[in-house]
Amino acid sequence: ADVERLVGRELAAEVRDLALRVYAEGAAHAAARGIIIADTKFEFGLDDHGRVHLIDEVMTPDSSRFWPAAGYR
């Protein structure tokens, strides 16, 4: 609700959907290699035309925590 108030419902939904898509693809890639993405962050920005872009690093050791799936309980 706070994000919708700040950027509007449409943009908030677009960023949410993009974040979930990027996470799902990355998590599936990691899972196939025995890795759990425990947490991560994404940074999005807008260009001069109002288009959303994923910026900065994605799913690196600086922006995420990874756990070996074999040892997870």
N, C-alpha and C. Protein backbone atom coordinates (compact mmCIF):
# COMPACT_ATOMS: atom_id res chain seq x y z
N ALA A 1 0.82 -1.19 0.00
CA ALA A 1 0.00 0.00 0.00
C ALA A 1 0.87 1.26 0.00
N ASP A 2 1.96 1.22 0.77
CA ASP A 2 2.85 2.38 0.81
C ASP A 2 3.48 2.64 -0.55
N VAL A 3 3.92 1.58 -1.20
CA VAL A 3 4.54 1.74 -2.52
C VAL A 3 3.52 2.27 -3.52
N GLU A 4 2.32 1.74 -3.47
CA GLU A 4 1.28 2.24 -4.39
C GLU A 4 1.04 3.73 -4.18
N ARG A 5 1.04 4.17 -2.94
CA ARG A 5 0.86 5.60 -2.66
C ARG A 5 2.02 6.42 -3.21
N LEU A 6 3.22 5.87 -3.14
CA LEU A 6 4.39 6.61 -3.60
C LEU A 6 4.52 6.68 -5.12
N VAL A 7 4.28 5.54 -5.79
CA VAL A 7 4.56 5.49 -7.23
C VAL A 7 3.32 5.23 -8.08
N GLY A 8 2.20 4.93 -7.45
CA GLY A 8 0.98 4.61 -8.20
C GLY A 8 0.78 3.12 -8.31
N ARG A 9 -0.47 2.74 -8.43
CA ARG A 9 -0.84 1.32 -8.46
C ARG A 9 -0.24 0.59 -9.66
N GLU A 10 -0.31 1.21 -10.84
CA GLU A 10 0.16 0.54 -12.06
C GLU A 10 1.67 0.27 -12.02
N LEU A 11 2.45 1.28 -11.66
CA LEU A 11 3.90 1.10 -11.60
C LEU A 11 4.28 0.11 -10.50
N ALA A 12 3.64 0.18 -9.36
CA ALA A 12 3.91 -0.76 -8.27
C ALA A 12 3.64 -2.19 -8.72
N ALA A 13 2.57 -2.41 -9.44
CA ALA A 13 2.24 -3.75 -9.94
C ALA A 13 3.26 -4.22 -10.97
N GLU A 14 3.70 -3.32 -11.83
CA GLU A 14 4.69 -3.68 -12.84
C GLU A 14 6.00 -4.10 -12.18
N VAL A 15 6.45 -3.33 -11.21
CA VAL A 15 7.70 -3.65 -10.52
C VAL A 15 7.54 -4.96 -9.74
N ARG A 16 6.42 -5.14 -9.07
CA ARG A 16 6.17 -6.40 -8.33
C ARG A 16 6.25 -7.59 -9.28
N ASP A 17 5.56 -7.49 -10.41
CA ASP A 17 5.54 -8.60 -11.37
C ASP A 17 6.93 -8.89 -11.92
N LEU A 18 7.69 -7.85 -12.22
CA LEU A 18 9.06 -8.04 -12.72
C LEU A 18 9.94 -8.68 -11.65
N ALA A 19 9.83 -8.21 -10.42
CA ALA A 19 10.64 -8.77 -9.34
C ALA A 19 10.33 -10.25 -9.12
N LEU A 20 9.06 -10.59 -9.14
CA LEU A 20 8.68 -11.99 -8.96
C LEU A 20 9.17 -12.86 -10.11
N ARG A 21 9.11 -12.33 -11.32
CA ARG A 21 9.58 -13.08 -12.49
C ARG A 21 11.09 -13.31 -12.43
N VAL A 22 11.85 -12.25 -12.12
CA VAL A 22 13.30 -12.38 -12.03
C VAL A 22 13.66 -13.35 -10.91
N TYR A 23 12.99 -13.24 -9.76
CA TYR A 23 13.28 -14.14 -8.66
C TYR A 23 12.97 -15.59 -9.04
N ALA A 24 11.82 -15.83 -9.64
CA ALA A 24 11.43 -17.20 -9.99
C ALA A 24 12.43 -17.83 -10.95
N GLU A 25 12.88 -17.06 -11.92
CA GLU A 25 13.86 -17.59 -12.88
C GLU A 25 15.20 -17.86 -12.21
N GLY A 26 15.64 -16.93 -11.38
CA GLY A 26 16.90 -17.12 -10.67
C GLY A 26 16.84 -18.26 -9.67
N ALA A 27 15.73 -18.36 -8.94
CA ALA A 27 15.58 -19.43 -7.96
C ALA A 27 15.55 -20.80 -8.63
N ALA A 28 14.90 -20.89 -9.77
CA ALA A 28 14.86 -22.16 -10.50
C ALA A 28 16.25 -22.54 -10.99
N HIS A 29 16.99 -21.56 -11.49
CA HIS A 29 18.36 -21.79 -11.96
C HIS A 29 19.23 -22.28 -10.80
N ALA A 30 19.13 -21.61 -9.66
CA ALA A 30 19.91 -21.98 -8.49
C ALA A 30 19.49 -23.36 -7.97
N ALA A 31 18.19 -23.61 -7.89
CA ALA A 31 17.68 -24.88 -7.36
C ALA A 31 18.19 -26.07 -8.18
N ALA A 32 18.28 -25.89 -9.49
CA ALA A 32 18.78 -26.95 -10.36
C ALA A 32 20.24 -27.28 -10.07
N ARG A 33 20.90 -26.38 -9.35
CA ARG A 33 22.30 -26.56 -9.00
C ARG A 33 22.50 -26.80 -7.49
N GLY A 34 21.38 -27.10 -6.80
CA GLY A 34 21.46 -27.42 -5.38
C GLY A 34 21.63 -26.22 -4.47
N ILE A 35 21.15 -25.06 -4.91
CA ILE A 35 21.33 -23.83 -4.15
C ILE A 35 19.97 -23.21 -3.85
N ILE A 36 19.80 -22.73 -2.63
CA ILE A 36 18.61 -21.98 -2.23
C ILE A 36 18.99 -20.50 -2.18
N ILE A 37 18.19 -19.66 -2.77
CA ILE A 37 18.38 -18.23 -2.62
C ILE A 37 17.59 -17.82 -1.38
N ALA A 38 18.32 -17.62 -0.28
CA ALA A 38 17.67 -17.33 1.01
C ALA A 38 17.03 -15.95 1.01
N ASP A 39 17.71 -14.99 0.44
CA ASP A 39 17.12 -13.68 0.23
C ASP A 39 17.94 -12.93 -0.81
N THR A 40 17.33 -11.92 -1.36
CA THR A 40 17.99 -11.13 -2.39
C THR A 40 17.31 -9.78 -2.48
N LYS A 41 17.89 -8.90 -3.25
CA LYS A 41 17.25 -7.60 -3.49
C LYS A 41 17.41 -7.26 -4.95
N PHE A 42 16.47 -6.52 -5.46
CA PHE A 42 16.53 -6.00 -6.82
C PHE A 42 16.36 -4.50 -6.75
N GLU A 43 17.02 -3.82 -7.66
CA GLU A 43 16.86 -2.38 -7.75
C GLU A 43 16.32 -2.06 -9.13
N PHE A 44 15.26 -1.27 -9.15
CA PHE A 44 14.62 -0.85 -10.39
C PHE A 44 14.70 0.66 -10.51
N GLY A 45 14.73 1.11 -11.73
CA GLY A 45 14.71 2.55 -11.99
C GLY A 45 13.88 2.84 -13.21
N LEU A 46 13.59 4.10 -13.41
CA LEU A 46 12.83 4.55 -14.58
C LEU A 46 13.74 5.36 -15.49
N ASP A 47 13.59 5.16 -16.79
CA ASP A 47 14.33 6.00 -17.73
C ASP A 47 13.53 7.28 -18.01
N ASP A 48 14.03 8.10 -18.89
CA ASP A 48 13.39 9.38 -19.19
C ASP A 48 12.00 9.23 -19.82
N HIS A 49 11.70 8.01 -20.30
CA HIS A 49 10.40 7.76 -20.93
C HIS A 49 9.45 7.02 -19.99
N GLY A 50 9.86 6.84 -18.73
CA GLY A 50 9.01 6.18 -17.75
C GLY A 50 9.03 4.67 -17.82
N ARG A 51 9.98 4.08 -18.57
CA ARG A 51 10.09 2.62 -18.67
C ARG A 51 10.90 2.09 -17.50
N VAL A 52 10.46 0.97 -16.96
CA VAL A 52 11.13 0.35 -15.83
C VAL A 52 12.32 -0.47 -16.32
N HIS A 53 13.44 -0.33 -15.60
CA HIS A 53 14.64 -1.11 -15.91
C HIS A 53 15.16 -1.72 -14.62
N LEU A 54 15.62 -2.96 -14.73
CA LEU A 54 16.33 -3.60 -13.64
C LEU A 54 17.75 -3.05 -13.68
N ILE A 55 18.19 -2.48 -12.56
CA ILE A 55 19.50 -1.85 -12.54
C ILE A 55 20.36 -2.51 -11.48
N ASP A 56 21.64 -2.28 -11.53
CA ASP A 56 22.60 -2.79 -10.56
C ASP A 56 22.74 -4.30 -10.71
N GLU A 57 23.44 -4.89 -9.78
CA GLU A 57 23.71 -6.32 -9.82
C GLU A 57 22.46 -7.13 -9.49
N VAL A 58 22.47 -8.37 -9.90
CA VAL A 58 21.34 -9.26 -9.64
C VAL A 58 21.86 -10.60 -9.15
N MET A 59 21.40 -11.01 -7.98
CA MET A 59 21.71 -12.32 -7.39
C MET A 59 23.21 -12.60 -7.34
N THR A 60 23.94 -11.65 -6.79
CA THR A 60 25.37 -11.85 -6.54
C THR A 60 25.57 -12.02 -5.04
N PRO A 61 26.76 -12.43 -4.62
CA PRO A 61 27.01 -12.54 -3.18
C PRO A 61 26.87 -11.20 -2.44
N ASP A 62 26.96 -10.10 -3.13
CA ASP A 62 26.77 -8.80 -2.50
C ASP A 62 25.30 -8.44 -2.29
N SER A 63 24.42 -9.03 -3.09
CA SER A 63 23.00 -8.66 -3.01
C SER A 63 22.11 -9.79 -2.54
N SER A 64 22.70 -10.95 -2.26
CA SER A 64 21.90 -12.14 -1.95
C SER A 64 22.62 -13.01 -0.92
N ARG A 65 21.83 -13.89 -0.31
CA ARG A 65 22.40 -14.95 0.52
C ARG A 65 22.00 -16.28 -0.10
N PHE A 66 22.98 -17.16 -0.23
CA PHE A 66 22.77 -18.46 -0.84
C PHE A 66 23.05 -19.55 0.19
N TRP A 67 22.19 -20.56 0.21
CA TRP A 67 22.37 -21.69 1.11
C TRP A 67 22.47 -22.97 0.28
N PRO A 68 23.30 -23.91 0.68
CA PRO A 68 23.31 -25.21 0.02
C PRO A 68 22.02 -25.96 0.36
N ALA A 69 21.33 -26.41 -0.64
CA ALA A 69 20.05 -27.09 -0.42
C ALA A 69 20.22 -28.39 0.35
N ALA A 70 21.33 -29.06 0.14
CA ALA A 70 21.54 -30.36 0.79
C ALA A 70 21.58 -30.25 2.31
N GLY A 71 22.01 -29.12 2.84
CA GLY A 71 22.11 -28.98 4.28
C GLY A 71 20.95 -28.22 4.91
N TYR A 72 19.96 -27.87 4.13
CA TYR A 72 18.83 -27.08 4.65
C TYR A 72 17.81 -27.95 5.33
N ARG A 73 17.35 -27.52 6.51
CA ARG A 73 16.27 -28.22 7.21
C ARG A 73 15.23 -27.23 7.63
